[in-house]
Amino acid sequence: MDKTDIKSMNLEELTEYITSLGEAKFRAKQIYEWLHVKLVDSYDRMSNIPQKLRDLLTENTTLVALKQVRVQVSKEDKTAKYLFQLHDGNLIESVLMHYHHGNSVCISSQAGCRMGCKFCASTLDGLARSLTPSEMLDQIYRIQASTGERVSNVVVMGSGEPFDNFENFIKFQQLLSDENGLNISARNLTVSTCGLVPRIYEFADMCLPTTLAISLHAPNDEMRKKLMPIANKYSVREIVEACRYYVEKTGRRVTFEYSLVKGQNDSAECAEQLSRLIAGLNCHVNLIPVNPVKERNFERSEAADINKFKNKLEKNKINVTIRREMGKDIDGACGQLRKHYKDEIADIVKE
């Protein structure tokens, strides 16, 4: 029999579960606080919970607590990249970034990814599995517990496609913003999708204050198909149309992520096409100098070309910034640390 994932329950669900064990309701509130405020990784640390109940929970539930395998800290800006191991041996990455407005954590939503984007290391070994709400949450919890510093912003832009794990992502968001837990506002959460159009509409209808980011990376379908297999299913026009619906429903601005690849999508004509595509839409373009991945032959655009691209968008009245690069001296690109570690283990096994 599968054990109950206690950390993926909201307070109402946990209360129902605890009372079904014949315990008083107030025990659920105590346990919830231990899990989501005090961030304990063991029932043994729940000092005000009777031993009998702790034993019962140990027998019937699982308390997700990720194992920290490796941490790389940038000497330049103190950005820290964490490699965590799940209970089944799968590996995921998370990143802690320090800003003047607070600490931001970028988390993974899946172990690996099946979207196949050509410039991303996360897709090289395909999708192992999707993460549970508790596994998404615990990336933040382990980082906050290890640093002793409050996390104020969360971005779901690590390994995986969040909208390919939609129900678990929504449950994660609800738990993250719960006032009984860490209480990180949904306004301080950003989710990035490569463009699963039906899910964008579904997300829009929820009218949540979360920031939606679209991994676009090309201004037309022909170019996008060379970079992102998902473009064979959903056109850029369909994606932008879904984004217009999202803006109408939520009143929120959409962010378009655009990785600049030398000689492929960084021309003045590309900037002009992109301007026409998103004209009149309440949006922001985040230009990203691509992180080279050794298994691919992509190179980052020259600084001069990046600035020309930005200037062309600004001339066309498009709100645009060039993403500040952080952690350049560590395995910065999504999926790189996980891939390097797996390669190291494989080499050891061969020897």
Protein backbone atom coordinates (compact mmCIF):
# COMPACT_ATOMS: atom_id res chain seq x y z
CA MET A 1 0.00 0.00 0.00
CA ASP A 2 1.34 3.43 -0.95
CA LYS A 3 1.97 5.74 1.95
CA THR A 4 0.20 9.12 2.17
CA ASP A 5 2.27 12.12 1.07
CA ILE A 6 1.57 14.29 4.10
CA LYS A 7 3.46 17.39 2.90
CA SER A 8 1.33 17.61 -0.27
CA MET A 9 -1.84 18.05 1.84
CA ASN A 10 -3.35 21.43 2.58
CA LEU A 11 -4.47 22.13 6.15
CA GLU A 12 -8.06 21.08 5.49
CA GLU A 13 -6.95 17.76 3.99
CA LEU A 14 -4.46 17.18 6.79
CA THR A 15 -7.12 17.91 9.42
CA GLU A 16 -9.45 15.38 7.82
CA TYR A 17 -6.66 12.82 7.73
CA ILE A 18 -5.57 13.36 11.34
CA THR A 19 -9.14 13.15 12.67
CA SER A 20 -9.60 9.92 10.67
CA LEU A 21 -6.83 8.51 12.86
CA GLY A 22 -8.90 9.37 15.93
CA GLU A 23 -6.78 12.37 16.88
CA ALA A 24 -7.92 15.88 17.84
CA LYS A 25 -8.16 18.55 15.13
CA PHE A 26 -5.58 20.82 16.75
CA ARG A 27 -2.91 18.19 16.12
CA ALA A 28 -3.24 18.83 12.39
CA LYS A 29 -2.45 22.53 12.84
CA GLN A 30 0.59 21.65 14.95
CA ILE A 31 1.87 19.15 12.37
CA TYR A 32 1.21 21.57 9.50
CA GLU A 33 3.31 24.22 11.26
CA TRP A 34 6.17 21.79 11.77
CA LEU A 35 6.09 20.89 8.08
CA HIS A 36 5.54 24.26 6.43
CA VAL A 37 6.82 26.88 8.89
CA LYS A 38 9.50 25.18 10.97
CA LEU A 39 10.50 23.07 7.92
CA VAL A 40 11.44 19.92 9.84
CA ASP A 41 12.67 16.90 7.89
CA SER A 42 11.73 14.25 10.47
CA TYR A 43 8.78 13.36 12.68
CA ASP A 44 11.25 12.98 15.54
CA ARG A 45 11.70 16.75 15.59
CA MET A 46 7.99 17.41 16.22
CA SER A 47 8.50 17.82 19.95
CA ASN A 48 4.90 18.68 20.92
CA ILE A 49 3.40 15.71 19.04
CA PRO A 50 2.82 12.56 21.15
CA GLN A 51 5.17 9.69 20.36
CA LYS A 52 2.22 7.41 19.58
CA LEU A 53 1.01 9.77 16.84
CA ARG A 54 4.54 10.22 15.47
CA ASP A 55 4.87 6.43 15.24
CA LEU A 56 1.50 6.22 13.48
CA LEU A 57 2.58 8.88 10.97
CA THR A 58 5.89 7.14 10.35
CA GLU A 59 4.07 3.90 9.63
CA ASN A 60 1.38 5.31 7.34
CA THR A 61 2.79 8.43 5.69
CA THR A 62 5.87 9.68 3.89
CA LEU A 63 7.54 12.94 4.89
CA VAL A 64 9.32 14.22 1.80
CA ALA A 65 12.76 15.63 2.61
CA LEU A 66 15.17 16.04 -0.28
CA LYS A 67 18.78 14.93 0.10
CA GLN A 68 21.35 17.59 -0.74
CA VAL A 69 23.95 15.99 -3.02
CA ARG A 70 26.01 18.97 -4.13
CA VAL A 71 26.09 22.76 -3.91
CA GLN A 72 28.03 25.11 -6.17
CA VAL A 73 28.40 28.71 -5.04
CA SER A 74 29.43 31.47 -7.41
CA LYS A 75 32.47 33.46 -6.32
CA GLU A 76 31.13 36.40 -8.32
CA ASP A 77 27.65 36.95 -6.87
CA LYS A 78 27.06 34.16 -4.30
CA THR A 79 24.43 32.50 -6.50
CA ALA A 80 24.12 28.90 -5.28
CA LYS A 81 23.10 25.93 -7.38
CA TYR A 82 21.77 22.91 -5.47
CA LEU A 83 21.61 19.33 -6.65
CA PHE A 84 18.99 17.33 -4.74
CA GLN A 85 18.25 13.62 -4.76
CA LEU A 86 14.66 12.34 -4.56
CA HIS A 87 13.63 9.24 -2.62
CA ASP A 88 13.83 7.11 -5.77
CA GLY A 89 17.32 8.28 -6.74
CA ASN A 90 16.25 10.83 -9.35
CA LEU A 91 18.12 14.14 -9.35
CA ILE A 92 16.81 17.70 -9.63
CA GLU A 93 18.32 21.19 -9.51
CA SER A 94 17.40 24.40 -7.72
CA VAL A 95 19.08 27.81 -7.70
CA LEU A 96 19.27 30.45 -4.97
CA MET A 97 19.79 34.01 -6.21
CA HIS A 98 20.39 37.07 -4.05
CA TYR A 99 18.80 40.37 -5.09
CA HIS A 100 18.47 43.71 -3.31
CA HIS A 101 14.73 43.03 -2.91
CA GLY A 102 15.26 39.59 -1.33
CA ASN A 103 16.17 35.99 -2.05
CA SER A 104 14.75 34.23 -5.08
CA VAL A 105 14.73 30.48 -5.64
CA CYS A 106 14.34 28.81 -9.02
CA ILE A 107 12.89 25.31 -8.69
CA SER A 108 12.37 22.28 -10.92
CA SER A 109 8.92 20.84 -11.62
CA GLN A 110 10.07 17.55 -13.17
CA ALA A 111 13.10 15.26 -13.08
CA GLY A 112 14.28 15.78 -16.63
CA CYS A 113 11.97 17.02 -19.37
CA ARG A 114 10.27 15.66 -22.48
CA MET A 115 9.84 18.96 -24.34
CA GLY A 116 13.14 18.56 -26.20
CA CYS A 117 14.18 22.22 -26.50
CA LYS A 118 17.49 22.16 -28.35
CA PHE A 119 19.37 24.65 -26.18
CA CYS A 120 18.45 23.10 -22.81
CA ALA A 121 20.49 20.45 -20.95
CA SER A 122 17.41 19.33 -18.99
CA THR A 123 16.01 17.50 -22.01
CA LEU A 124 19.11 15.50 -22.95
CA ASP A 125 18.07 12.38 -21.01
CA GLY A 126 14.33 12.84 -21.46
CA LEU A 127 11.72 12.86 -18.70
CA ALA A 128 12.21 10.60 -15.68
CA ARG A 129 9.01 11.69 -13.91
CA SER A 130 7.01 14.65 -12.67
CA LEU A 131 7.48 15.99 -9.15
CA THR A 132 4.84 15.96 -6.42
CA PRO A 133 3.75 19.24 -4.81
CA SER A 134 5.83 18.32 -1.74
CA GLU A 135 8.95 17.75 -3.86
CA MET A 136 8.54 21.15 -5.46
CA LEU A 137 7.99 22.78 -2.07
CA ASP A 138 10.87 21.02 -0.37
CA GLN A 139 13.41 22.54 -2.74
CA ILE A 140 12.52 25.90 -1.21
CA TYR A 141 12.29 24.47 2.31
CA ARG A 142 15.73 22.78 2.21
CA ILE A 143 17.38 25.92 0.85
CA GLN A 144 15.72 28.17 3.40
CA ALA A 145 16.53 25.74 6.24
CA SER A 146 20.19 25.45 5.19
CA THR A 147 20.77 29.19 4.76
CA GLY A 148 18.56 30.45 7.57
CA GLU A 149 17.40 33.18 5.20
CA ARG A 150 13.83 33.92 4.11
CA VAL A 151 12.90 33.21 0.50
CA SER A 152 10.66 35.95 -0.87
CA ASN A 153 10.34 35.05 -4.57
CA VAL A 154 9.99 31.75 -6.42
CA VAL A 155 10.35 31.02 -10.13
CA VAL A 156 9.37 27.68 -11.63
CA MET A 157 11.91 27.72 -14.45
CA GLY A 158 14.21 24.86 -13.51
CA SER A 159 14.18 21.40 -15.08
CA GLY A 160 10.85 20.34 -16.53
CA GLU A 161 7.75 21.90 -18.04
CA PRO A 162 5.41 23.02 -15.20
CA PHE A 163 2.29 22.89 -17.39
CA ASP A 164 3.16 19.26 -18.23
CA ASN A 165 2.70 18.68 -14.48
CA PHE A 166 -0.22 21.06 -14.19
CA GLU A 167 -2.29 19.68 -11.30
CA ASN A 168 0.73 19.21 -9.06
CA PHE A 169 1.98 22.69 -9.94
CA ILE A 170 -1.37 24.27 -9.00
CA LYS A 171 -1.41 22.38 -5.68
CA PHE A 172 2.18 23.50 -5.04
CA GLN A 173 1.19 27.12 -5.66
CA GLN A 174 -1.71 26.87 -3.23
CA LEU A 175 0.52 25.43 -0.51
CA LEU A 176 3.26 27.99 -1.13
CA SER A 177 0.89 30.94 -0.70
CA ASP A 178 -1.05 29.45 2.22
CA GLU A 179 -1.02 31.92 5.14
CA ASN A 180 -0.57 28.95 7.50
CA GLY A 181 2.70 28.02 5.77
CA LEU A 182 5.55 30.05 4.26
CA ASN A 183 2.92 32.47 2.97
CA ILE A 184 4.84 33.51 -0.15
CA SER A 185 2.37 35.57 -2.16
CA ALA A 186 1.27 34.24 -5.54
CA ARG A 187 2.33 37.67 -6.86
CA ASN A 188 5.90 36.67 -5.99
CA LEU A 189 5.68 33.48 -8.03
CA THR A 190 6.58 33.19 -11.73
CA VAL A 191 5.87 30.11 -13.85
CA SER A 192 7.45 29.52 -17.24
CA THR A 193 5.96 27.37 -20.00
CA CYS A 194 7.22 26.55 -23.49
CA GLY A 195 3.69 27.14 -24.74
CA LEU A 196 1.16 24.40 -23.91
CA VAL A 197 -1.74 26.43 -25.25
CA PRO A 198 -4.70 24.60 -23.62
CA ARG A 199 -3.02 24.93 -20.22
CA ILE A 200 -2.45 28.66 -20.74
CA TYR A 201 -6.20 29.10 -21.22
CA GLU A 202 -6.94 26.91 -18.20
CA PHE A 203 -4.46 28.87 -16.10
CA ALA A 204 -5.96 32.16 -17.29
CA ASP A 205 -9.43 31.07 -16.21
CA MET A 206 -8.13 30.58 -12.65
CA CYS A 207 -7.41 34.34 -12.51
CA LEU A 208 -4.40 33.86 -10.25
CA PRO A 209 -1.99 36.77 -9.64
CA THR A 210 1.01 34.63 -10.62
CA THR A 211 3.34 35.96 -13.33
CA LEU A 212 3.22 33.94 -16.56
CA ALA A 213 6.39 33.63 -18.62
CA ILE A 214 6.46 32.13 -22.11
CA SER A 215 9.63 30.51 -23.46
CA LEU A 216 9.24 31.84 -27.00
CA HIS A 217 12.79 32.09 -28.42
CA ALA A 218 11.72 32.68 -32.02
CA PRO A 219 9.43 35.12 -33.86
CA ASN A 220 8.02 32.63 -36.39
CA ASP A 221 7.09 28.95 -36.62
CA GLU A 222 9.79 27.93 -39.09
CA MET A 223 12.56 29.18 -36.83
CA ARG A 224 10.91 27.95 -33.63
CA LYS A 225 10.54 24.41 -34.95
CA LYS A 226 14.34 24.21 -35.27
CA LEU A 227 14.74 25.10 -31.60
CA MET A 228 11.63 23.73 -29.89
CA PRO A 229 9.70 20.58 -30.92
CA ILE A 230 6.55 21.92 -29.21
CA ALA A 231 6.31 24.37 -32.12
CA ASN A 232 5.14 21.47 -34.29
CA LYS A 233 1.98 21.33 -32.18
CA TYR A 234 1.26 24.98 -31.31
CA SER A 235 2.05 27.96 -33.54
CA VAL A 236 3.44 31.24 -32.25
CA ARG A 237 0.16 32.89 -33.27
CA GLU A 238 -1.80 30.43 -31.12
CA ILE A 239 0.50 31.08 -28.18
CA VAL A 240 0.25 34.86 -28.47
CA GLU A 241 -3.54 34.61 -28.85
CA ALA A 242 -3.66 32.56 -25.63
CA CYS A 243 -1.50 35.21 -23.95
CA ARG A 244 -3.90 37.96 -25.01
CA TYR A 245 -6.70 35.95 -23.39
CA TYR A 246 -4.59 35.58 -20.25
CA VAL A 247 -4.00 39.34 -20.04
CA GLU A 248 -7.73 40.04 -20.56
CA LYS A 249 -8.75 37.56 -17.83
CA THR A 250 -6.14 38.44 -15.22
CA GLY A 251 -4.98 41.98 -15.96
CA ARG A 252 -1.43 40.66 -15.54
CA ARG A 253 1.49 41.37 -17.85
CA VAL A 254 3.03 38.42 -19.73
CA THR A 255 6.79 37.92 -20.00
CA PHE A 256 8.32 36.45 -23.16
CA GLU A 257 11.65 34.69 -22.61
CA TYR A 258 13.85 34.94 -25.70
CA SER A 259 17.22 33.13 -25.72
CA LEU A 260 19.53 34.69 -28.29
CA VAL A 261 21.44 32.11 -30.36
CA LYS A 262 24.22 33.42 -32.58
CA GLY A 263 23.28 33.46 -36.25
CA GLN A 264 19.88 31.84 -35.72
CA ASN A 265 17.36 34.13 -34.03
CA ASP A 266 19.28 37.32 -33.27
CA SER A 267 18.97 39.34 -36.49
CA ALA A 268 17.34 42.74 -36.92
CA GLU A 269 14.64 41.05 -39.01
CA CYS A 270 13.90 38.67 -36.13
CA ALA A 271 13.51 41.64 -33.80
CA GLU A 272 11.17 43.28 -36.30
CA GLN A 273 9.06 40.12 -36.65
CA LEU A 274 8.88 39.73 -32.87
CA SER A 275 7.74 43.34 -32.51
CA ARG A 276 4.90 42.80 -34.98
CA LEU A 277 3.91 39.50 -33.34
CA ILE A 278 3.37 40.95 -29.86
CA ALA A 279 2.39 44.51 -30.77
CA GLY A 280 -0.31 45.92 -28.52
CA LEU A 281 0.00 43.16 -25.95
CA ASN A 282 0.72 44.04 -22.31
CA CYS A 283 4.02 42.22 -22.15
CA HIS A 284 7.72 42.34 -21.41
CA VAL A 285 10.52 40.67 -23.37
CA ASN A 286 13.41 39.17 -21.41
CA LEU A 287 16.42 38.69 -23.68
CA ILE A 288 18.69 35.84 -22.56
CA PRO A 289 22.22 35.32 -23.94
CA VAL A 290 22.06 31.54 -24.39
CA ASN A 291 24.16 29.34 -22.09
CA PRO A 292 26.23 27.03 -24.34
CA VAL A 293 25.59 23.31 -23.77
CA LYS A 294 28.44 21.05 -24.89
CA GLU A 295 26.05 18.50 -26.45
CA ARG A 296 24.67 21.22 -28.75
CA ASN A 297 26.41 23.50 -31.22
CA PHE A 298 24.69 26.72 -30.19
CA GLU A 299 26.73 29.82 -29.45
CA ARG A 300 25.59 32.93 -27.61
CA SER A 301 25.05 36.06 -29.64
CA GLU A 302 27.68 38.80 -29.69
CA ALA A 303 27.13 41.63 -27.20
CA ALA A 304 26.73 44.10 -30.07
CA ASP A 305 24.00 41.98 -31.68
CA ILE A 306 22.19 41.60 -28.36
CA ASN A 307 22.13 45.37 -27.92
CA LYS A 308 20.97 45.91 -31.50
CA PHE A 309 18.13 43.45 -30.94
CA LYS A 310 17.14 45.24 -27.74
CA ASN A 311 17.30 48.66 -29.39
CA LYS A 312 15.09 47.50 -32.28
CA LEU A 313 12.42 46.26 -29.85
CA GLU A 314 12.57 49.51 -27.87
CA LYS A 315 12.24 51.53 -31.06
CA ASN A 316 9.06 49.55 -31.74
CA LYS A 317 7.77 50.41 -28.24
CA ILE A 318 8.27 46.92 -26.81
CA ASN A 319 9.19 46.74 -23.12
CA VAL A 320 12.49 44.81 -23.02
CA THR A 321 15.44 44.01 -20.77
CA ILE A 322 18.56 41.87 -21.07
CA ARG A 323 18.57 39.30 -18.28
CA ARG A 324 21.23 39.86 -15.68
CA GLU A 325 23.59 36.90 -15.77
CA MET A 326 24.13 35.21 -12.41
CA GLY A 327 26.30 32.27 -11.46
CA LYS A 328 28.38 32.45 -14.63
CA ASP A 329 31.28 30.60 -12.99
CA ILE A 330 29.17 27.59 -11.99
CA ASP A 331 27.01 25.16 -14.02
CA GLY A 332 24.61 27.95 -14.85
CA ALA A 333 22.40 26.54 -17.59
CA CYS A 334 19.30 24.61 -16.61
CA GLY A 335 20.11 20.91 -16.25
CA GLN A 336 23.90 21.24 -16.52
CA LEU A 337 24.78 20.37 -12.91
CA ARG A 338 22.46 17.36 -12.97
CA LYS A 339 23.93 16.17 -16.29
CA HIS A 340 27.54 16.63 -15.15
CA TYR A 341 26.92 14.72 -11.92
CA LYS A 342 25.24 11.83 -13.74
CA ASP A 343 28.14 11.69 -16.22
CA GLU A 344 30.62 11.59 -13.31
CA ILE A 345 28.78 8.66 -11.71
CA ALA A 346 28.60 6.83 -15.06
CA ASP A 347 32.37 7.25 -15.53
CA ILE A 348 33.03 5.87 -12.03
CA VAL A 349 30.83 2.83 -12.77
CA LYS A 350 32.73 2.20 -16.04
CA GLU A 351 36.04 2.22 -14.18
